[in-house]
N, C-alpha and C. Protein backbone atom coordinates (compact mmCIF):
# COMPACT_ATOMS: atom_id res chain seq x y z
N UNK A 1 23.86 -27.96 -17.20
CA UNK A 1 22.41 -27.85 -17.17
C UNK A 1 21.15 -27.54 -18.48
N UNK A 2 19.81 -28.13 -18.17
CA UNK A 2 19.68 -28.01 -19.61
C UNK A 2 17.73 -27.18 -19.09
N UNK A 3 17.09 -26.85 -19.90
CA UNK A 3 16.15 -26.58 -20.11
C UNK A 3 15.47 -26.96 -19.36
N UNK A 4 15.22 -28.53 -19.31
CA UNK A 4 14.16 -29.21 -18.43
C UNK A 4 14.68 -28.65 -16.58
N UNK A 5 15.35 -28.54 -16.11
CA UNK A 5 15.62 -27.98 -14.92
C UNK A 5 15.33 -27.08 -14.26
N UNK A 6 14.94 -26.45 -15.55
CA UNK A 6 14.65 -25.00 -15.64
C UNK A 6 12.79 -24.63 -14.85
N UNK A 7 12.47 -25.97 -15.33
CA UNK A 7 11.13 -25.71 -15.63
C UNK A 7 10.25 -25.93 -14.62
N UNK A 8 10.59 -26.26 -13.64
CA UNK A 8 9.79 -26.11 -11.83
C UNK A 8 10.00 -24.86 -11.51
N UNK A 9 11.18 -24.38 -11.75
CA UNK A 9 11.57 -23.51 -10.45
C UNK A 9 10.50 -22.43 -11.50
N UNK A 10 10.76 -22.39 -12.79
CA UNK A 10 9.97 -20.99 -13.33
C UNK A 10 8.23 -21.61 -12.86
N UNK A 11 7.87 -22.57 -12.71
CA UNK A 11 6.23 -23.21 -12.55
C UNK A 11 5.97 -22.51 -11.14
N UNK A 12 6.90 -22.82 -10.06
CA UNK A 12 6.96 -22.70 -9.41
C UNK A 12 6.61 -20.92 -8.66
N UNK A 13 7.60 -19.99 -9.19
CA UNK A 13 7.65 -18.67 -9.56
C UNK A 13 6.74 -18.42 -10.28
N UNK A 14 5.56 -18.77 -11.24
CA UNK A 14 4.75 -18.70 -11.93
C UNK A 14 3.57 -18.96 -10.73
N UNK A 15 3.49 -19.91 -10.51
CA UNK A 15 2.31 -19.85 -9.22
C UNK A 15 2.94 -18.73 -7.79
N UNK A 16 3.45 -18.39 -7.71
CA UNK A 16 3.43 -17.56 -6.60
C UNK A 16 3.05 -16.21 -6.64
N UNK A 17 3.89 -15.92 -8.25
CA UNK A 17 3.54 -14.31 -9.28
C UNK A 17 1.67 -14.30 -9.34
N UNK A 18 1.02 -15.60 -9.22
CA UNK A 18 -0.30 -15.31 -9.57
C UNK A 18 -0.61 -15.29 -8.45
N UNK A 19 -0.44 -15.99 -7.25
CA UNK A 19 -0.83 -15.97 -5.88
C UNK A 19 -1.04 -14.66 -5.13
N UNK A 20 0.01 -13.36 -5.67
CA UNK A 20 0.73 -12.63 -5.42
C UNK A 20 -0.79 -11.67 -6.62
N UNK A 21 -1.48 -11.47 -7.25
CA UNK A 21 -2.20 -11.05 -8.26
C UNK A 21 -3.24 -11.52 -7.78
N UNK A 22 -3.58 -12.84 -7.54
CA UNK A 22 -4.81 -13.01 -6.39
C UNK A 22 -4.92 -11.79 -5.47
N UNK A 23 -3.83 -11.92 -4.65
CA UNK A 23 -4.55 -11.11 -3.20
C UNK A 23 -4.62 -9.65 -3.76
N UNK A 24 -3.32 -9.16 -4.75
CA UNK A 24 -3.68 -7.99 -4.91
C UNK A 24 -5.35 -7.22 -5.72
N UNK A 25 -5.34 -7.89 -6.46
CA UNK A 25 -7.13 -7.73 -6.72
C UNK A 25 -8.02 -8.18 -6.04
N UNK A 26 -7.75 -9.18 -4.60
CA UNK A 26 -8.80 -8.95 -3.41
C UNK A 26 -8.65 -7.77 -2.78
N UNK A 27 -7.59 -7.16 -1.95
CA UNK A 27 -7.42 -5.94 -1.59
C UNK A 27 -7.88 -4.93 -2.37
N UNK A 28 -7.28 -4.96 -3.67
CA UNK A 28 -8.25 -3.85 -4.00
C UNK A 28 -9.69 -3.34 -4.49
N UNK A 29 -9.93 -4.58 -4.72
CA UNK A 29 -12.06 -4.23 -4.77
C UNK A 29 -11.90 -4.11 -2.98
N UNK A 30 -11.85 -4.67 -2.26
CA UNK A 30 -12.10 -4.58 -0.85
C UNK A 30 -11.77 -2.79 -0.80
N UNK A 31 -10.21 -2.57 -0.92
CA UNK A 31 -10.45 -1.09 -0.89
C UNK A 31 -11.21 -0.15 -1.42
N UNK A 32 -11.36 -0.36 -2.55
CA UNK A 32 -12.61 0.42 -3.72
C UNK A 32 -14.06 -0.36 -3.03
N UNK A 33 -14.78 -1.08 -2.26
CA UNK A 33 -15.37 -0.66 -1.92
C UNK A 33 -15.56 -0.17 -0.71
N UNK A 34 -14.84 0.34 0.31
CA UNK A 34 -14.38 0.88 1.56
C UNK A 34 -14.94 2.33 0.74
N UNK A 35 -13.94 2.52 -0.03
CA UNK A 35 -14.05 3.60 -0.72
C UNK A 35 -15.33 4.58 -1.11
N UNK A 36 -15.90 3.60 -2.06
CA UNK A 36 -17.22 3.82 -2.18
C UNK A 36 -18.84 3.90 -1.82
N UNK A 37 -18.03 3.36 -0.34
CA UNK A 37 -19.12 3.26 0.48
C UNK A 37 -19.25 4.75 1.45
N UNK A 38 -20.00 5.59 0.65
CA UNK A 38 -20.27 6.99 1.02
C UNK A 38 -21.52 7.72 0.86
N UNK A 39 -21.72 8.54 2.40
CA UNK A 39 -23.50 9.03 1.91
C UNK A 39 -23.37 10.29 0.63
N UNK A 40 -22.37 10.67 0.08
CA UNK A 40 -22.60 11.89 -0.58
C UNK A 40 -21.32 11.42 -1.51
N UNK A 41 -21.57 11.61 -2.68
CA UNK A 41 -20.54 11.26 -3.57
C UNK A 41 -19.03 12.49 -3.64
N UNK A 42 -17.99 12.15 -4.27
CA UNK A 42 -16.88 13.36 -3.84
C UNK A 42 -16.96 14.15 -3.88
N UNK A 43 -17.73 14.65 -5.32
CA UNK A 43 -18.09 15.96 -5.54
C UNK A 43 -19.17 16.72 -4.67
N UNK A 44 -19.91 15.81 -4.33
CA UNK A 44 -21.34 16.95 -3.47
C UNK A 44 -19.87 16.92 -1.67
N UNK A 45 -19.32 16.07 -1.88
CA UNK A 45 -18.84 16.58 -0.31
C UNK A 45 -17.58 17.87 -0.11
N UNK A 46 -17.21 17.74 -1.59
CA UNK A 46 -15.84 18.85 -1.73
C UNK A 46 -16.72 20.27 -2.29
N UNK A 47 -18.38 20.34 -2.65
CA UNK A 47 -19.37 21.28 -2.90
C UNK A 47 -19.57 21.41 -1.14
N UNK A 48 -19.26 20.63 -0.37
CA UNK A 48 -19.89 20.96 1.34
C UNK A 48 -18.92 21.46 1.52
N UNK A 49 -17.85 21.33 1.76
CA UNK A 49 -16.64 22.08 2.44
C UNK A 49 -15.89 23.08 1.86
N UNK A 50 -16.40 23.45 0.69
CA UNK A 50 -15.72 24.96 0.28
C UNK A 50 -17.28 25.91 0.61
N UNK A 51 -18.27 25.24 0.54
CA UNK A 51 -19.77 25.92 1.31
C UNK A 51 -19.24 26.27 2.52
N UNK A 52 -19.17 25.52 3.10
CA UNK A 52 -18.90 25.37 4.68
C UNK A 52 -17.40 26.37 5.34
N UNK A 53 -16.50 26.66 4.28
CA UNK A 53 -15.36 27.66 4.75
C UNK A 53 -16.00 28.65 4.38
N UNK A 54 -16.75 28.95 3.47
CA UNK A 54 -17.11 30.44 2.91
C UNK A 54 -17.84 30.65 3.97
N UNK A 55 -19.17 30.13 4.20
CA UNK A 55 -20.14 30.38 5.05
C UNK A 55 -19.45 30.71 6.86
N UNK A 56 -18.54 30.07 7.00
CA UNK A 56 -17.81 30.39 8.54
C UNK A 56 -16.31 31.69 8.29
N UNK A 57 -16.44 32.07 7.10
CA UNK A 57 -15.31 33.00 7.09
C UNK A 57 -14.13 32.73 6.88
N UNK A 58 -13.47 31.34 6.03
CA UNK A 58 -12.32 30.55 5.93
C UNK A 58 -12.31 29.99 7.46
N UNK A 59 -13.46 29.57 8.30
CA UNK A 59 -13.12 28.29 9.37
C UNK A 59 -11.99 28.36 10.33
N UNK A 60 -11.59 29.21 10.22
CA UNK A 60 -10.22 29.52 11.33
C UNK A 60 -10.69 28.50 12.51
N UNK A 61 -11.42 27.77 13.03
CA UNK A 61 -11.69 27.04 14.36
C UNK A 61 -11.24 25.57 13.45
N UNK A 62 -11.00 25.80 11.98
CA UNK A 62 -10.64 24.07 11.84
C UNK A 62 -8.35 24.14 10.91
N UNK A 63 -8.73 25.04 12.01
CA UNK A 63 -7.24 24.95 11.24
C UNK A 63 -5.60 24.31 12.60
N UNK A 64 -4.88 24.34 12.01
CA UNK A 64 -4.27 23.31 12.74
C UNK A 64 -3.23 24.46 13.40
N UNK A 65 -3.12 23.81 15.14
CA UNK A 65 -2.45 25.23 15.80
C UNK A 65 -0.66 25.10 15.09
N UNK A 66 -0.32 24.38 14.54
CA UNK A 66 0.82 24.47 13.85
C UNK A 66 1.20 25.28 13.44
N UNK A 67 0.32 26.37 12.54
CA UNK A 67 0.49 27.26 11.55
C UNK A 67 0.89 28.27 12.31
N UNK A 68 0.60 28.80 14.22
CA UNK A 68 1.21 29.66 14.29
C UNK A 68 2.41 29.63 15.22
N UNK A 69 3.22 27.91 14.92
CA UNK A 69 4.60 27.65 15.82
C UNK A 69 5.77 28.21 14.58
N UNK A 70 6.54 28.86 15.03
CA UNK A 70 7.69 29.30 14.23
C UNK A 70 8.74 28.06 13.65
N UNK A 71 9.30 28.28 12.76
CA UNK A 71 10.01 26.77 12.17
C UNK A 71 10.46 26.54 12.76
N UNK A 72 11.30 26.80 13.53
CA UNK A 72 12.17 25.66 14.41
C UNK A 72 11.28 25.08 15.75
N UNK A 73 10.12 25.45 15.84
CA UNK A 73 9.31 24.94 17.21
C UNK A 73 8.67 23.79 15.97
N UNK A 74 7.93 23.89 14.32
CA UNK A 74 7.38 23.17 13.47
C UNK A 74 8.48 22.28 13.33
N UNK A 75 9.86 21.83 13.42
CA UNK A 75 10.61 21.71 13.00
C UNK A 75 11.20 20.42 14.27
N UNK A 76 10.66 21.40 15.45
CA UNK A 76 11.21 20.32 16.82
C UNK A 76 12.53 20.82 17.14
N UNK A 77 13.31 21.43 16.75
CA UNK A 77 14.44 22.22 16.47
C UNK A 77 14.96 22.38 18.01
N UNK A 78 14.03 23.35 18.86
CA UNK A 78 14.49 23.43 20.04
C UNK A 78 14.41 22.31 20.84
N UNK A 79 13.37 21.70 20.94
CA UNK A 79 13.55 20.52 21.69
C UNK A 79 14.51 19.16 21.29
N UNK A 80 15.29 19.50 20.57
CA UNK A 80 16.06 17.85 20.57
C UNK A 80 17.34 19.11 20.57
N UNK A 81 17.32 20.27 20.53
CA UNK A 81 18.61 20.96 21.22
C UNK A 81 18.68 20.33 22.52
N UNK A 82 17.99 20.72 23.25
CA UNK A 82 17.42 20.05 24.60
C UNK A 82 18.13 18.83 25.14
N UNK A 83 17.32 17.95 24.41
CA UNK A 83 17.84 17.15 24.42
C UNK A 83 19.38 16.42 24.07
N UNK A 84 19.91 17.33 23.38
CA UNK A 84 21.39 16.69 22.58
C UNK A 84 22.31 17.69 23.35
N UNK A 85 21.92 18.76 23.64
CA UNK A 85 23.07 19.33 24.51
C UNK A 85 22.72 18.90 25.85
N UNK A 86 24.27 18.65 26.45
CA UNK A 86 24.30 18.55 28.03
C UNK A 86 25.77 19.25 28.02
N UNK A 87 25.52 19.45 29.51
CA UNK A 87 26.58 20.64 29.82
C UNK A 87 27.82 19.74 29.91
N UNK A 88 28.97 20.57 29.69
CA UNK A 88 30.81 19.68 30.75
C UNK A 88 30.22 19.54 31.75
N UNK A 89 30.72 18.31 32.69
CA UNK A 89 30.41 17.83 34.28
C UNK A 89 32.09 17.91 34.52
N UNK A 90 32.57 18.78 35.24
CA UNK A 90 33.91 18.35 35.81
C UNK A 90 33.44 18.34 37.14
């Protein structure tokens, strides 16, 4: 084989790479536009939520109920044990 036989493969692979880079760039620009479309800046949003939590003394109403679960309930080990365990049938 000579180098000339590899040129079409190389060219076709470059077209694929250029196509992927083009789609990546379009998706990155679209995601950037979505991220920057916000009523407040990121710093203002962070300040708002810190002040909100301070105002409401910890904002316990926003905490997840999963905080109150035991570790084996949180990992669903009790449910899995019931599903897996089957008594012997005689």
